[in-house]
Amino acid sequence: MIRKGEPWGARTDASPDVTVHGDDATLAATLRDAPGALVRLVPSEASEIARALGLTGSSDAGIEVALDVLRVDGARDAVNAVVLGTRPDRVRAWSRAASVRVEVDGRDRFTGRATAVVVANGQFLGGLDAVPRGHPGDGRFEVQVYALTPGERAGMRRRLATGTHVPHPRITQVTGKRVVVTAGRALPVEIDGHRSGRTLTLTVEVRPASLRLLL
């Protein structure tokens, strides 16, 4: 876990134990398939965590970083983000909001109607700078709750690319280590860019420094 004033990562001459090709979900799967391994990622264009790290297929910096991981409902892992509801870049004026309650680290942080709750380890969603404060090695995640009015949503989408959609009075931003979301109706879930059914409740916990990644 990175601490204030400390550099993130260390030089290494080690070779990777595993090389994976693909997106964020492929990288997250190494926690199950090769726990504790030093992993090199050759990212696809869909990898948001690679974008946050400035990682390309030809990267060979010889630096090992300890990546935080999101544990979803105690059963699945994610390296970049989990979204409940309609992703911010896809929300439209007619998108339905739902009643949600968001509890972070045991404290109620939001109760009301919202189109999405984003729990982010990284910075990008859909290639856009949705979570400017996201850092995948700080031992915490960022939570955003989108409760914009229909008339505000198009303007928010236009500002996503530059991260200037926040701060906003109707986008709640909280950082923490455990979040529990309860919805008034079943909402779609997206884990590292992949749809994962619908749910009324969602729990996400951070697992600090759980994935060894070679840059």
Protein backbone atom coordinates (compact mmCIF):
# COMPACT_ATOMS: atom_id res chain seq x y z
CA MET A 1 0.00 0.00 0.00
CA ILE A 2 1.37 3.40 -0.96
CA ARG A 3 1.70 5.94 1.82
CA LYS A 4 1.88 9.72 1.61
CA GLY A 5 5.31 10.86 0.56
CA GLU A 6 6.49 7.41 -0.46
CA PRO A 7 7.13 6.21 -4.02
CA TRP A 8 4.95 3.42 -5.38
CA GLY A 9 6.76 0.36 -6.66
CA ALA A 10 10.32 -0.89 -6.56
CA ARG A 11 12.93 -1.83 -9.14
CA THR A 12 13.29 -5.54 -9.75
CA ASP A 13 15.28 -7.88 -11.97
CA ALA A 14 12.74 -10.66 -11.44
CA SER A 15 11.01 -12.30 -14.35
CA PRO A 16 7.24 -12.63 -14.29
CA ASP A 17 5.77 -15.88 -12.97
CA VAL A 18 2.76 -15.41 -15.23
CA THR A 19 2.08 -13.35 -18.35
CA VAL A 20 -1.55 -12.65 -19.14
CA HIS A 21 -3.03 -11.09 -22.24
CA GLY A 22 -6.34 -9.29 -22.01
CA ASP A 23 -8.48 -6.90 -20.00
CA ASP A 24 -8.99 -6.10 -16.33
CA ALA A 25 -11.13 -9.17 -15.68
CA THR A 26 -8.36 -11.36 -17.11
CA LEU A 27 -5.87 -9.75 -14.75
CA ALA A 28 -8.19 -10.19 -11.75
CA ALA A 29 -8.53 -13.90 -12.56
CA THR A 30 -4.84 -14.43 -11.77
CA LEU A 31 -5.68 -14.01 -8.08
CA ARG A 32 -7.63 -17.24 -8.33
CA ASP A 33 -5.48 -19.07 -10.87
CA ALA A 34 -2.01 -18.03 -9.67
CA PRO A 35 -2.21 -16.54 -6.17
CA GLY A 36 0.93 -14.69 -5.11
CA ALA A 37 2.44 -14.72 -8.60
CA LEU A 38 4.37 -11.83 -10.10
CA VAL A 39 2.21 -10.97 -13.10
CA ARG A 40 2.99 -9.22 -16.35
CA LEU A 41 -0.06 -7.88 -18.15
CA VAL A 42 -0.10 -7.44 -21.91
CA PRO A 43 -3.24 -5.33 -21.99
CA SER A 44 -6.02 -5.23 -24.52
CA GLU A 45 -7.51 -1.86 -25.47
CA ALA A 46 -10.30 -2.55 -22.97
CA SER A 47 -7.98 -2.58 -19.94
CA GLU A 48 -8.79 0.48 -17.84
CA ILE A 49 -6.23 -0.33 -15.15
CA ALA A 50 -3.50 -0.44 -17.79
CA ARG A 51 -4.59 3.02 -18.93
CA ALA A 52 -4.33 4.31 -15.37
CA LEU A 53 -0.83 2.84 -15.03
CA GLY A 54 0.36 4.02 -18.44
CA LEU A 55 0.97 0.40 -19.31
CA THR A 56 1.34 -0.72 -22.92
CA GLY A 57 2.08 -4.07 -24.48
CA SER A 58 5.73 -3.11 -24.93
CA SER A 59 6.28 -1.86 -21.38
CA ASP A 60 9.41 -3.26 -19.74
CA ALA A 61 10.24 -0.84 -16.93
CA GLY A 62 11.36 -3.51 -14.46
CA ILE A 63 9.21 -2.12 -11.65
CA GLU A 64 7.04 -4.22 -9.35
CA VAL A 65 3.95 -2.57 -7.89
CA ALA A 66 1.48 -3.95 -5.36
CA LEU A 67 -2.01 -3.50 -6.75
CA ASP A 68 -5.07 -3.23 -4.55
CA VAL A 69 -8.00 -5.48 -5.43
CA LEU A 70 -11.76 -5.14 -4.90
CA ARG A 71 -13.51 -8.17 -3.39
CA VAL A 72 -17.12 -8.22 -4.58
CA ASP A 73 -19.73 -9.88 -2.36
CA GLY A 74 -17.00 -11.99 -0.81
CA ALA A 75 -16.69 -14.10 -3.93
CA ARG A 76 -15.29 -12.24 -6.95
CA ASP A 77 -12.34 -9.95 -7.54
CA ALA A 78 -11.96 -6.77 -9.58
CA VAL A 79 -8.90 -4.65 -10.25
CA ASN A 80 -10.51 -1.50 -11.67
CA ALA A 81 -14.14 -0.81 -10.83
CA VAL A 82 -17.56 -2.10 -9.89
CA VAL A 83 -20.66 -0.23 -11.05
CA LEU A 84 -24.20 -0.69 -9.76
CA GLY A 85 -26.83 0.88 -12.01
CA THR A 86 -26.25 2.80 -15.24
CA ARG A 87 -22.61 3.65 -15.89
CA PRO A 88 -22.03 7.44 -15.94
CA ASP A 89 -20.97 7.56 -19.59
CA ARG A 90 -24.13 5.70 -20.60
CA VAL A 91 -26.71 7.57 -18.53
CA ARG A 92 -29.32 9.56 -20.44
CA ALA A 93 -32.10 11.96 -19.47
CA TRP A 94 -34.58 9.09 -19.54
CA SER A 95 -32.46 6.67 -17.48
CA ARG A 96 -34.35 5.52 -14.40
CA ALA A 97 -33.01 6.38 -10.98
CA ALA A 98 -33.53 4.00 -8.08
CA SER A 99 -33.65 4.37 -4.33
CA VAL A 100 -30.27 3.44 -2.87
CA ARG A 101 -28.60 3.51 0.51
CA VAL A 102 -24.81 3.66 0.57
CA GLU A 103 -22.85 2.79 3.70
CA VAL A 104 -19.06 3.25 3.69
CA ASP A 105 -16.93 1.94 6.54
CA GLY A 106 -20.01 1.61 8.73
CA ARG A 107 -21.32 5.14 8.14
CA ASP A 108 -24.34 6.13 6.06
CA ARG A 109 -23.08 8.31 3.23
CA PHE A 110 -26.06 8.55 0.89
CA THR A 111 -29.76 7.77 0.97
CA GLY A 112 -31.92 8.78 -1.96
CA ARG A 113 -32.46 8.24 -5.66
CA ALA A 114 -29.48 7.72 -7.94
CA THR A 115 -28.67 6.28 -11.37
CA ALA A 116 -25.34 4.70 -10.38
CA VAL A 117 -22.96 3.85 -7.59
CA VAL A 118 -19.35 3.51 -8.76
CA VAL A 119 -16.74 1.78 -6.58
CA ALA A 120 -13.38 2.45 -8.18
CA ASN A 121 -9.88 1.18 -7.57
CA GLY A 122 -8.60 2.84 -10.74
CA GLN A 123 -9.29 6.07 -12.55
CA PHE A 124 -10.95 5.30 -15.88
CA LEU A 125 -14.31 4.00 -17.09
CA GLY A 126 -14.91 3.57 -20.80
CA GLY A 127 -11.59 5.30 -21.41
CA LEU A 128 -12.87 8.42 -19.61
CA ASP A 129 -11.44 10.06 -16.49
CA ALA A 130 -14.45 9.22 -14.35
CA VAL A 131 -12.59 8.96 -11.04
CA PRO A 132 -9.72 11.49 -11.09
CA ARG A 133 -8.67 10.68 -7.52
CA GLY A 134 -8.53 6.93 -8.10
CA HIS A 135 -5.20 5.26 -7.25
CA PRO A 136 -4.88 1.46 -7.39
CA GLY A 137 -2.20 1.29 -4.70
CA ASP A 138 -3.40 3.52 -1.85
CA GLY A 139 -5.23 0.82 0.11
CA ARG A 140 -8.63 2.45 -0.37
CA PHE A 141 -11.28 2.82 -3.04
CA GLU A 142 -13.31 5.78 -4.28
CA VAL A 143 -17.10 5.70 -4.16
CA GLN A 144 -19.20 7.96 -6.37
CA VAL A 145 -22.99 8.19 -6.21
CA TYR A 146 -24.64 9.80 -9.23
CA ALA A 147 -27.89 11.59 -8.33
CA LEU A 148 -27.99 14.17 -11.11
CA THR A 149 -31.26 15.47 -12.49
CA PRO A 150 -32.15 14.44 -16.05
CA GLY A 151 -31.21 17.89 -17.33
CA GLU A 152 -27.72 17.71 -15.80
CA ARG A 153 -26.65 14.38 -17.22
CA ALA A 154 -25.59 15.39 -20.75
CA GLY A 155 -23.30 18.10 -19.37
CA MET A 156 -21.80 15.61 -16.94
CA ARG A 157 -21.05 13.17 -19.77
CA ARG A 158 -19.29 15.89 -21.78
CA ARG A 159 -16.96 16.57 -18.85
CA LEU A 160 -16.11 12.94 -18.07
CA ALA A 161 -13.16 12.80 -20.48
CA THR A 162 -11.27 15.48 -18.55
CA GLY A 163 -12.45 14.57 -15.05
CA THR A 164 -14.09 17.98 -14.64
CA HIS A 165 -17.53 16.50 -13.91
CA VAL A 166 -16.49 16.49 -10.24
CA PRO A 167 -16.91 18.08 -7.81
CA HIS A 168 -20.67 18.34 -8.28
CA PRO A 169 -23.35 18.83 -5.61
CA ARG A 170 -25.25 15.77 -6.84
CA ILE A 171 -22.25 13.46 -7.22
CA THR A 172 -21.37 12.18 -3.77
CA GLN A 173 -17.68 11.26 -3.41
CA VAL A 174 -16.38 9.17 -0.51
CA THR A 175 -13.25 7.12 0.03
CA GLY A 176 -13.16 3.98 2.14
CA LYS A 177 -12.38 0.31 2.56
CA ARG A 178 -15.81 -1.33 2.71
CA VAL A 179 -19.05 -0.27 1.06
CA VAL A 180 -22.52 -1.78 1.31
CA VAL A 181 -25.16 -0.64 -1.17
CA THR A 182 -28.84 -1.51 -0.80
CA ALA A 183 -31.19 -0.71 -3.69
CA GLY A 184 -34.96 -0.44 -3.83
CA ARG A 185 -35.07 -2.58 -6.98
CA ALA A 186 -32.65 -4.99 -8.63
CA LEU A 187 -29.99 -3.03 -10.55
CA PRO A 188 -27.45 -4.21 -13.13
CA VAL A 189 -23.91 -4.86 -11.92
CA GLU A 190 -20.76 -4.34 -13.99
CA ILE A 191 -17.46 -5.80 -12.73
CA ASP A 192 -14.30 -4.70 -14.55
CA GLY A 193 -16.31 -3.82 -17.63
CA HIS A 194 -18.37 -7.03 -17.77
CA ARG A 195 -22.06 -7.34 -16.96
CA SER A 196 -22.70 -9.57 -13.96
CA GLY A 197 -26.46 -9.87 -13.52
CA ARG A 198 -28.65 -7.74 -11.26
CA THR A 199 -28.81 -7.36 -7.51
CA LEU A 200 -30.57 -5.61 -4.65
CA THR A 201 -27.46 -5.50 -2.46
CA LEU A 202 -23.77 -5.11 -3.18
CA THR A 203 -20.79 -5.34 -0.85
CA VAL A 204 -17.28 -4.38 -1.93
CA GLU A 205 -14.16 -4.52 0.23
CA VAL A 206 -10.62 -3.50 -0.61
CA ARG A 207 -7.80 -6.04 -0.39
CA PRO A 208 -4.69 -3.85 -0.17
CA ALA A 209 -1.56 -4.82 -2.09
CA SER A 210 -3.01 -8.16 -3.17
CA LEU A 211 -1.69 -8.43 -6.73
CA ARG A 212 1.99 -8.21 -7.70
CA LEU A 213 2.23 -6.53 -11.08
CA LEU A 214 5.37 -6.12 -13.16
CA LEU A 215 5.53 -2.93 -15.20
